């Protein structure tokens, strides 16, 4: 997938969270957007919903089942985690 399409898909997921009231304000998807840790607008429930929404959207777009895994979350520096 092209970066433009990926960021558009991420933005659509953020928009969905905002419309549903799961996040308090609109988030703009950029390479600097913080999705986990200090500075993130998402709590744990909205983060899980965001990941699930991305899986659904990417699966639909690719025609394949897509699963996103945070299998090395213990190594994340929550001060600098960003969408990339």
N, C-alpha and C. Protein backbone atom coordinates (compact mmCIF):
# COMPACT_ATOMS: atom_id res chain seq x y z
N UNK A 1 0.84 -1.19 0.00
CA UNK A 1 0.00 0.00 0.00
C UNK A 1 0.87 1.24 0.00
N UNK A 2 0.42 2.24 -0.68
CA UNK A 2 1.15 3.51 -0.72
C UNK A 2 0.94 4.27 0.58
N UNK A 3 1.96 5.07 0.95
CA UNK A 3 1.88 5.87 2.18
C UNK A 3 0.64 6.74 2.21
N UNK A 4 0.28 7.35 1.08
CA UNK A 4 -0.88 8.23 1.03
C UNK A 4 -2.14 7.46 1.43
N UNK A 5 -2.30 6.26 0.91
CA UNK A 5 -3.47 5.44 1.22
C UNK A 5 -3.44 5.00 2.68
N UNK A 6 -2.26 4.66 3.17
CA UNK A 6 -2.13 4.23 4.57
C UNK A 6 -2.52 5.37 5.50
N UNK A 7 -1.99 6.57 5.26
CA UNK A 7 -2.33 7.70 6.12
C UNK A 7 -3.81 8.07 5.99
N UNK A 8 -4.38 7.94 4.81
CA UNK A 8 -5.80 8.21 4.62
C UNK A 8 -6.63 7.21 5.44
N UNK A 9 -6.23 5.96 5.44
CA UNK A 9 -6.93 4.92 6.19
C UNK A 9 -6.82 5.18 7.70
N UNK A 10 -5.62 5.56 8.14
CA UNK A 10 -5.42 5.90 9.55
C UNK A 10 -6.28 7.10 9.93
N UNK A 11 -6.33 8.10 9.06
CA UNK A 11 -7.14 9.29 9.33
C UNK A 11 -8.62 8.91 9.44
N UNK A 12 -9.09 8.05 8.55
CA UNK A 12 -10.49 7.61 8.60
C UNK A 12 -10.79 6.91 9.92
N UNK A 13 -9.84 6.12 10.42
CA UNK A 13 -10.04 5.44 11.71
C UNK A 13 -10.09 6.47 12.85
N UNK A 14 -9.21 7.47 12.81
CA UNK A 14 -9.26 8.54 13.82
C UNK A 14 -10.59 9.28 13.75
N UNK A 15 -11.05 9.58 12.54
CA UNK A 15 -12.32 10.29 12.36
C UNK A 15 -13.48 9.49 12.95
N UNK A 16 -13.45 8.18 12.75
CA UNK A 16 -14.49 7.30 13.28
C UNK A 16 -14.49 7.34 14.82
N UNK A 17 -13.31 7.29 15.42
CA UNK A 17 -13.21 7.37 16.88
C UNK A 17 -13.75 8.70 17.40
N UNK A 18 -13.44 9.77 16.70
CA UNK A 18 -13.92 11.09 17.11
C UNK A 18 -15.44 11.19 17.00
N UNK A 19 -15.98 10.74 15.87
CA UNK A 19 -17.44 10.79 15.67
C UNK A 19 -18.18 9.97 16.71
N UNK A 20 -17.59 8.88 17.15
CA UNK A 20 -18.24 8.02 18.14
C UNK A 20 -18.08 8.54 19.56
N UNK A 21 -17.25 9.58 19.73
CA UNK A 21 -17.02 10.14 21.06
C UNK A 21 -15.96 9.42 21.87
N UNK A 22 -15.21 8.51 21.23
CA UNK A 22 -14.19 7.76 21.96
C UNK A 22 -12.92 8.58 22.21
N UNK A 23 -12.70 9.60 21.40
CA UNK A 23 -11.59 10.51 21.64
C UNK A 23 -12.16 11.93 21.74
N UNK A 24 -11.55 12.77 22.59
CA UNK A 24 -12.13 14.09 22.88
C UNK A 24 -11.99 15.13 21.79
N UNK A 25 -10.99 14.97 20.93
CA UNK A 25 -10.81 15.93 19.86
C UNK A 25 -10.27 15.24 18.62
N UNK A 26 -10.41 15.92 17.49
CA UNK A 26 -9.96 15.39 16.21
C UNK A 26 -8.44 15.18 16.22
N UNK A 27 -7.99 14.04 15.75
CA UNK A 27 -6.56 13.75 15.61
C UNK A 27 -6.24 13.75 14.12
N UNK A 28 -5.15 14.43 13.76
CA UNK A 28 -4.69 14.45 12.36
C UNK A 28 -3.53 13.45 12.24
N UNK A 29 -3.66 12.53 11.30
CA UNK A 29 -2.65 11.49 11.09
C UNK A 29 -1.46 12.05 10.33
N UNK A 30 -0.32 12.10 11.00
CA UNK A 30 0.95 12.47 10.39
C UNK A 30 2.01 11.49 10.90
N UNK A 31 3.21 11.61 10.39
CA UNK A 31 4.30 10.75 10.88
C UNK A 31 4.69 11.10 12.31
N UNK A 32 4.21 12.22 12.82
CA UNK A 32 4.52 12.65 14.19
C UNK A 32 3.38 12.42 15.17
N UNK A 33 2.28 11.85 14.72
CA UNK A 33 1.12 11.63 15.58
C UNK A 33 1.44 10.60 16.66
N UNK A 34 1.19 10.95 17.89
CA UNK A 34 1.44 10.05 19.02
C UNK A 34 0.18 9.22 19.26
N UNK A 35 0.31 7.91 19.19
CA UNK A 35 -0.84 7.03 19.40
C UNK A 35 -0.76 6.25 20.70
N UNK A 36 0.41 6.22 21.33
CA UNK A 36 0.59 5.44 22.55
C UNK A 36 1.48 6.22 23.50
N UNK A 37 1.03 6.39 24.71
CA UNK A 37 1.86 7.01 25.73
C UNK A 37 1.58 8.49 25.92
N UNK A 38 2.55 9.16 26.53
CA UNK A 38 2.42 10.57 26.87
C UNK A 38 2.17 11.40 25.61
N UNK A 39 1.11 12.22 25.64
CA UNK A 39 0.76 13.06 24.50
C UNK A 39 -0.30 12.47 23.60
N UNK A 40 -0.67 11.22 23.83
CA UNK A 40 -1.71 10.59 23.02
C UNK A 40 -3.08 11.04 23.51
N UNK A 41 -4.00 11.22 22.57
CA UNK A 41 -5.38 11.58 22.91
C UNK A 41 -6.22 10.33 23.21
N UNK A 42 -5.63 9.15 23.05
CA UNK A 42 -6.38 7.92 23.21
C UNK A 42 -6.11 7.25 24.54
N UNK A 43 -7.17 6.71 25.15
CA UNK A 43 -7.00 5.86 26.32
C UNK A 43 -6.89 4.41 25.83
N UNK A 44 -6.81 3.47 26.76
CA UNK A 44 -6.59 2.08 26.36
C UNK A 44 -7.74 1.52 25.52
N UNK A 45 -8.98 1.89 25.84
CA UNK A 45 -10.12 1.38 25.08
C UNK A 45 -10.12 1.95 23.66
N UNK A 46 -9.88 3.25 23.53
CA UNK A 46 -9.87 3.84 22.18
C UNK A 46 -8.67 3.34 21.37
N UNK A 47 -7.55 3.04 22.03
CA UNK A 47 -6.39 2.49 21.32
C UNK A 47 -6.72 1.11 20.74
N UNK A 48 -7.34 0.25 21.53
CA UNK A 48 -7.71 -1.08 21.05
C UNK A 48 -8.74 -0.97 19.92
N UNK A 49 -9.69 -0.06 20.08
CA UNK A 49 -10.69 0.16 19.03
C UNK A 49 -10.02 0.66 17.75
N UNK A 50 -9.04 1.57 17.89
CA UNK A 50 -8.28 2.09 16.75
C UNK A 50 -7.57 0.96 16.01
N UNK A 51 -6.88 0.10 16.75
CA UNK A 51 -6.15 -1.02 16.14
C UNK A 51 -7.12 -1.95 15.41
N UNK A 52 -8.24 -2.26 16.05
CA UNK A 52 -9.25 -3.11 15.43
C UNK A 52 -9.82 -2.48 14.17
N UNK A 53 -10.08 -1.18 14.24
CA UNK A 53 -10.61 -0.44 13.08
C UNK A 53 -9.60 -0.48 11.92
N UNK A 54 -8.33 -0.31 12.23
CA UNK A 54 -7.29 -0.38 11.18
C UNK A 54 -7.24 -1.77 10.56
N UNK A 55 -7.31 -2.80 11.40
CA UNK A 55 -7.31 -4.16 10.86
C UNK A 55 -8.46 -4.36 9.87
N UNK A 56 -9.64 -3.92 10.28
CA UNK A 56 -10.81 -4.07 9.41
C UNK A 56 -10.63 -3.30 8.10
N UNK A 57 -10.19 -2.06 8.20
CA UNK A 57 -10.03 -1.21 7.01
C UNK A 57 -8.94 -1.74 6.08
N UNK A 58 -7.80 -2.15 6.64
CA UNK A 58 -6.72 -2.68 5.80
C UNK A 58 -7.11 -4.02 5.18
N UNK A 59 -7.84 -4.85 5.93
CA UNK A 59 -8.30 -6.12 5.39
C UNK A 59 -9.25 -5.90 4.21
N UNK A 60 -10.17 -4.98 4.38
CA UNK A 60 -11.12 -4.66 3.32
C UNK A 60 -10.41 -4.13 2.07
N UNK A 61 -9.44 -3.23 2.28
CA UNK A 61 -8.72 -2.63 1.16
C UNK A 61 -7.83 -3.63 0.43
N UNK A 62 -7.24 -4.57 1.17
CA UNK A 62 -6.31 -5.51 0.55
C UNK A 62 -6.97 -6.80 0.06
N UNK A 63 -8.16 -7.08 0.57
CA UNK A 63 -8.82 -8.33 0.22
C UNK A 63 -8.23 -9.52 0.96
N UNK A 64 -7.38 -9.24 1.94
CA UNK A 64 -6.76 -10.29 2.75
C UNK A 64 -7.02 -9.97 4.22
N UNK A 65 -6.98 -11.00 5.05
CA UNK A 65 -7.15 -10.77 6.47
C UNK A 65 -5.85 -10.18 7.03
N UNK A 66 -5.95 -9.03 7.66
CA UNK A 66 -4.78 -8.34 8.21
C UNK A 66 -4.91 -8.30 9.73
N UNK A 67 -3.85 -8.65 10.43
CA UNK A 67 -3.81 -8.57 11.89
C UNK A 67 -2.62 -7.70 12.29
N UNK A 68 -2.88 -6.70 13.11
CA UNK A 68 -1.82 -5.84 13.64
C UNK A 68 -1.48 -6.34 15.03
N UNK A 69 -0.20 -6.53 15.29
CA UNK A 69 0.21 -7.05 16.60
C UNK A 69 1.25 -6.12 17.21
N UNK A 70 1.08 -5.86 18.48
CA UNK A 70 2.06 -5.10 19.24
C UNK A 70 2.81 -6.11 20.11
N UNK A 71 3.58 -6.97 19.46
CA UNK A 71 4.22 -8.06 20.18
C UNK A 71 5.49 -7.67 20.91
N UNK A 72 5.98 -6.46 20.66
CA UNK A 72 7.16 -6.01 21.37
C UNK A 72 6.88 -4.71 22.10
N UNK A 73 5.69 -4.61 22.67
CA UNK A 73 5.26 -3.39 23.33
C UNK A 73 6.16 -3.05 24.53
N UNK A 74 6.74 -4.06 25.16
CA UNK A 74 7.63 -3.81 26.30
C UNK A 74 8.87 -3.03 25.89
N UNK A 75 9.23 -3.03 24.60
CA UNK A 75 10.39 -2.30 24.13
C UNK A 75 10.06 -0.90 23.64
N UNK A 76 8.75 -0.55 23.59
CA UNK A 76 8.36 0.79 23.16
C UNK A 76 8.86 1.83 24.15
N UNK A 77 9.32 2.93 23.62
CA UNK A 77 9.60 4.10 24.45
C UNK A 77 8.34 4.94 24.36
N UNK A 78 7.49 4.89 25.39
CA UNK A 78 6.20 5.54 25.31
C UNK A 78 6.31 7.06 25.18
N UNK A 79 7.48 7.60 25.40
CA UNK A 79 7.70 9.02 25.22
C UNK A 79 7.81 9.39 23.74
N UNK A 80 8.10 8.39 22.87
CA UNK A 80 8.37 8.69 21.47
C UNK A 80 7.62 7.81 20.50
N UNK A 81 6.60 7.09 20.92
CA UNK A 81 5.87 6.20 20.01
C UNK A 81 5.03 7.03 19.06
N UNK A 82 5.19 6.82 17.74
CA UNK A 82 4.48 7.57 16.72
C UNK A 82 3.99 6.64 15.62
N UNK A 83 3.03 7.11 14.85
CA UNK A 83 2.59 6.39 13.67
C UNK A 83 3.70 6.49 12.63
N UNK A 84 4.07 5.39 12.02
CA UNK A 84 5.09 5.46 10.97
C UNK A 84 4.80 4.48 9.87
